[in-house]
Each structure stands twice: as structure tokens, then as C-alpha cells.
């Protein structure tokens, strides 16, 4: 599929962006680990933890629609960079609910686990709109992934 995309962009350039530039970007990207932004993190993990990381990445996919997992972009939800060890409501400029701002929750594995199961149960009247993540293995893998990509190594 990548090769077909490359040849399409190379020979049929669009008016706003030269097709050859897209082709060059694709070739450069494919030359550095297949565009995996997490390849450096994964390379430092054991094979078992790499599998756990990959499962966590899959579990995090729905999170991307509302949260920036590795940067500081404010979307529908706050960015999650530096999440662990922070008190809920720590991102400046994000309009948190009064309930979340008033909570004394500190984001660690246990509190995040409880929040992912039942956001309203941990912090009533918060604005998190998400289906509960009821599968405990998915939550554990997601928390493992988030700890690694949010800038703090896993403690568990």
C-alpha cells in the first residue's frame, strides 16, 4: 500500500503540495523505522513488555480523538504529557469542570485505573465523556503505555 501511495503522489501531484515532496517524505519516513514514533521506547523494552506496550497502544487509540498523548495540544480533552504524578486539572488553559479542578486526585496507576473504569465514580460531575474501559488487562496495558509515552517510566 505504501508503494502505491508513493507512486500515486509521485506521478500525480496535487495543486497545493508537490507530489514529489510527499514521495520524498514517505521514503525518508520509511527509512527510519516505518514512521513509528515509539520505536525508540519499544527498543529499550523486553519482548514481553514490547507486546504489553503494543496492546496499550491499541487500547489508547480511542483516546487520541480527544487527547494529545505525547504533546501539549489542547483538544476536546487536555493533553496527557506528564500526566503521572500530577494532580487532576494540572494543564494550564484547559477548561476543566469545577468538580475535577476541586478534586484532590493525583494521577497514578491506581487512580487512573479507577477513573478509566468509572470516571463519574472517581470524580462525580467531571466532563470526561468516554465509555468505561472494563477489561482490566486493557486498562493495565493502557496505563503501562501512557506511563512510557507521557514522559515517566513505569513504576509497576
Protein backbone atom coordinates (compact mmCIF):
# COMPACT_ATOMS: atom_id res chain seq x y z
CA UNK A 1 0.00 0.00 0.00
CA UNK A 2 2.83 2.42 0.82
CA UNK A 3 4.42 1.79 -2.55
CA UNK A 4 1.15 2.51 -4.38
CA UNK A 5 0.67 5.70 -2.35
CA UNK A 6 4.23 6.72 -3.16
CA UNK A 7 3.81 6.18 -6.89
CA UNK A 8 0.45 7.97 -6.93
CA UNK A 9 1.81 11.05 -5.20
CA UNK A 10 4.99 10.99 -7.21
CA UNK A 11 3.31 10.99 -10.62
CA UNK A 12 0.05 12.82 -9.85
CA UNK A 13 0.99 15.86 -7.78
CA UNK A 14 -1.73 17.93 -6.19
CA UNK A 15 -2.02 21.68 -6.75
CA UNK A 16 -1.28 22.69 -3.15
CA UNK A 17 1.62 20.36 -2.34
CA UNK A 18 4.09 18.95 -4.86
CA UNK A 19 3.71 15.20 -5.22
CA UNK A 20 7.45 14.65 -5.32
CA UNK A 21 7.69 16.18 -1.82
CA UNK A 22 5.19 13.67 -0.44
CA UNK A 23 7.18 10.90 -2.09
CA UNK A 24 10.42 12.14 -0.54
CA UNK A 25 8.73 12.36 2.88
CA UNK A 26 7.43 8.82 2.56
CA UNK A 27 10.80 7.42 1.55
CA UNK A 28 12.52 9.29 4.40
CA UNK A 29 9.90 8.13 6.86
CA UNK A 30 10.09 4.50 5.77
CA UNK A 31 13.84 4.65 6.18
CA UNK A 32 13.57 5.44 9.91
CA UNK A 33 11.61 2.56 11.37
CA UNK A 34 8.38 2.74 9.40
CA UNK A 35 7.20 6.05 10.93
CA UNK A 36 6.76 4.53 14.37
CA UNK A 37 7.12 7.45 16.80
CA UNK A 38 7.56 4.94 19.61
CA UNK A 39 10.33 2.82 18.08
CA UNK A 40 12.97 4.22 20.46
CA UNK A 41 10.83 3.49 23.52
CA UNK A 42 10.00 -0.02 22.27
CA UNK A 43 13.65 -0.81 21.53
CA UNK A 44 14.50 -0.45 25.23
CA UNK A 45 11.81 -2.91 26.35
CA UNK A 46 11.95 -6.65 26.78
CA UNK A 47 9.96 -8.68 24.22
CA UNK A 48 7.17 -9.25 26.78
CA UNK A 49 6.99 -5.53 27.57
CA UNK A 50 7.01 -4.71 23.85
CA UNK A 51 3.88 -6.84 23.48
CA UNK A 52 2.35 -5.11 26.51
CA UNK A 53 3.29 -1.72 25.02
CA UNK A 54 1.67 -2.63 21.69
CA UNK A 55 -1.53 -3.73 23.44
CA UNK A 56 -1.53 -0.46 25.38
CA UNK A 57 -1.06 1.47 22.14
CA UNK A 58 -4.11 -0.27 20.68
CA UNK A 59 -6.10 0.50 23.83
CA UNK A 60 -5.05 4.17 23.57
CA UNK A 61 -6.40 4.59 20.04
CA UNK A 62 -9.81 5.97 21.16
CA UNK A 63 -8.02 8.44 23.47
CA UNK A 64 -6.37 10.25 20.53
CA UNK A 65 -9.64 11.73 19.35
CA UNK A 66 -9.84 13.88 22.50
CA UNK A 67 -6.31 13.92 23.97
CA UNK A 68 -2.82 14.64 22.74
CA UNK A 69 -0.91 11.77 24.32
CA UNK A 70 2.64 12.97 23.76
CA UNK A 71 2.45 16.71 23.19
CA UNK A 72 0.78 19.74 24.65
CA UNK A 73 -2.06 20.35 22.18
CA UNK A 74 -5.39 21.09 23.80
CA UNK A 75 -8.19 19.20 22.09
CA UNK A 76 -11.63 18.29 23.44
CA UNK A 77 -9.71 16.92 26.42
CA UNK A 78 -6.44 18.06 27.97
CA UNK A 79 -3.07 16.79 26.77
CA UNK A 80 -1.70 13.85 28.74
CA UNK A 81 2.01 14.64 28.55
CA UNK A 82 3.45 14.47 32.07
CA UNK A 83 0.21 13.06 33.45
CA UNK A 84 1.63 10.72 36.10
CA UNK A 85 2.30 12.29 39.46
CA UNK A 86 0.21 15.36 38.62
CA UNK A 87 -2.94 16.50 40.39
CA UNK A 88 -6.10 16.35 38.27
CA UNK A 89 -6.64 19.66 36.49
CA UNK A 90 -2.92 20.44 36.08
CA UNK A 91 -2.93 21.64 32.43
CA UNK A 92 -3.00 25.42 32.26
CA UNK A 93 -5.51 26.82 29.81
CA UNK A 94 -7.81 23.80 29.72
CA UNK A 95 -11.41 24.46 30.91
CA UNK A 96 -11.74 21.63 33.44
CA UNK A 97 -15.04 21.04 35.20
CA UNK A 98 -15.26 22.60 38.66
CA UNK A 99 -15.56 19.08 40.10
CA UNK A 100 -12.30 17.92 38.54
CA UNK A 101 -10.45 21.11 39.50
CA UNK A 102 -11.68 20.75 43.09
CA UNK A 103 -10.73 17.09 43.34
CA UNK A 104 -7.50 16.17 45.05
CA UNK A 105 -6.89 13.22 42.74
CA UNK A 106 -3.27 12.64 41.78
CA UNK A 107 -2.83 10.64 38.57
CA UNK A 108 -1.02 7.41 39.34
CA UNK A 109 -1.68 3.85 38.18
CA UNK A 110 -4.39 3.19 40.78
CA UNK A 111 -6.33 6.42 40.35
CA UNK A 112 -6.13 6.24 36.57
CA UNK A 113 -7.31 2.62 36.70
CA UNK A 114 -10.36 3.61 38.77
CA UNK A 115 -11.03 6.62 36.52
CA UNK A 116 -10.94 4.53 33.34
CA UNK A 117 -13.48 2.10 34.80
CA UNK A 118 -15.85 4.78 36.11
CA UNK A 119 -14.90 8.44 35.56
CA UNK A 120 -18.03 9.67 37.34
CA UNK A 121 -17.47 7.28 40.25
CA UNK A 122 -13.99 8.65 40.98
CA UNK A 123 -14.76 12.32 40.28
CA UNK A 124 -18.53 12.97 40.18
CA UNK A 125 -19.71 15.65 37.71
CA UNK A 126 -16.48 15.70 35.69
CA UNK A 127 -16.78 16.24 31.91
CA UNK A 128 -14.98 13.10 30.71
CA UNK A 129 -17.18 11.52 28.07
CA UNK A 130 -15.90 8.04 27.46
CA UNK A 131 -17.20 4.52 27.63
CA UNK A 132 -15.78 2.70 30.65
CA UNK A 133 -12.77 0.54 29.94
CA UNK A 134 -13.98 -2.53 31.81
CA UNK A 135 -11.35 -5.04 30.69
CA UNK A 136 -8.67 -4.99 33.40
CA UNK A 137 -5.90 -6.24 31.06
CA UNK A 138 -6.65 -3.44 28.58
CA UNK A 139 -6.52 -0.87 31.39
CA UNK A 140 -3.24 -2.26 32.73
CA UNK A 141 -1.69 -2.20 29.25
CA UNK A 142 -3.02 1.30 28.56
CA UNK A 143 -1.58 2.63 31.82
CA UNK A 144 1.78 0.96 31.04
CA UNK A 145 1.77 2.60 27.59
CA UNK A 146 0.76 6.02 28.94
CA UNK A 147 3.48 5.97 31.60
CA UNK A 148 6.11 5.38 28.91
CA UNK A 149 4.90 7.88 26.33
CA UNK A 150 3.88 10.62 28.74
CA UNK A 151 7.44 11.08 29.92
CA UNK A 152 7.70 8.98 33.07
CA UNK A 153 8.95 5.40 33.20
CA UNK A 154 6.61 2.73 34.56
CA UNK A 155 6.82 2.01 38.25
CA UNK A 156 4.97 -1.31 38.10
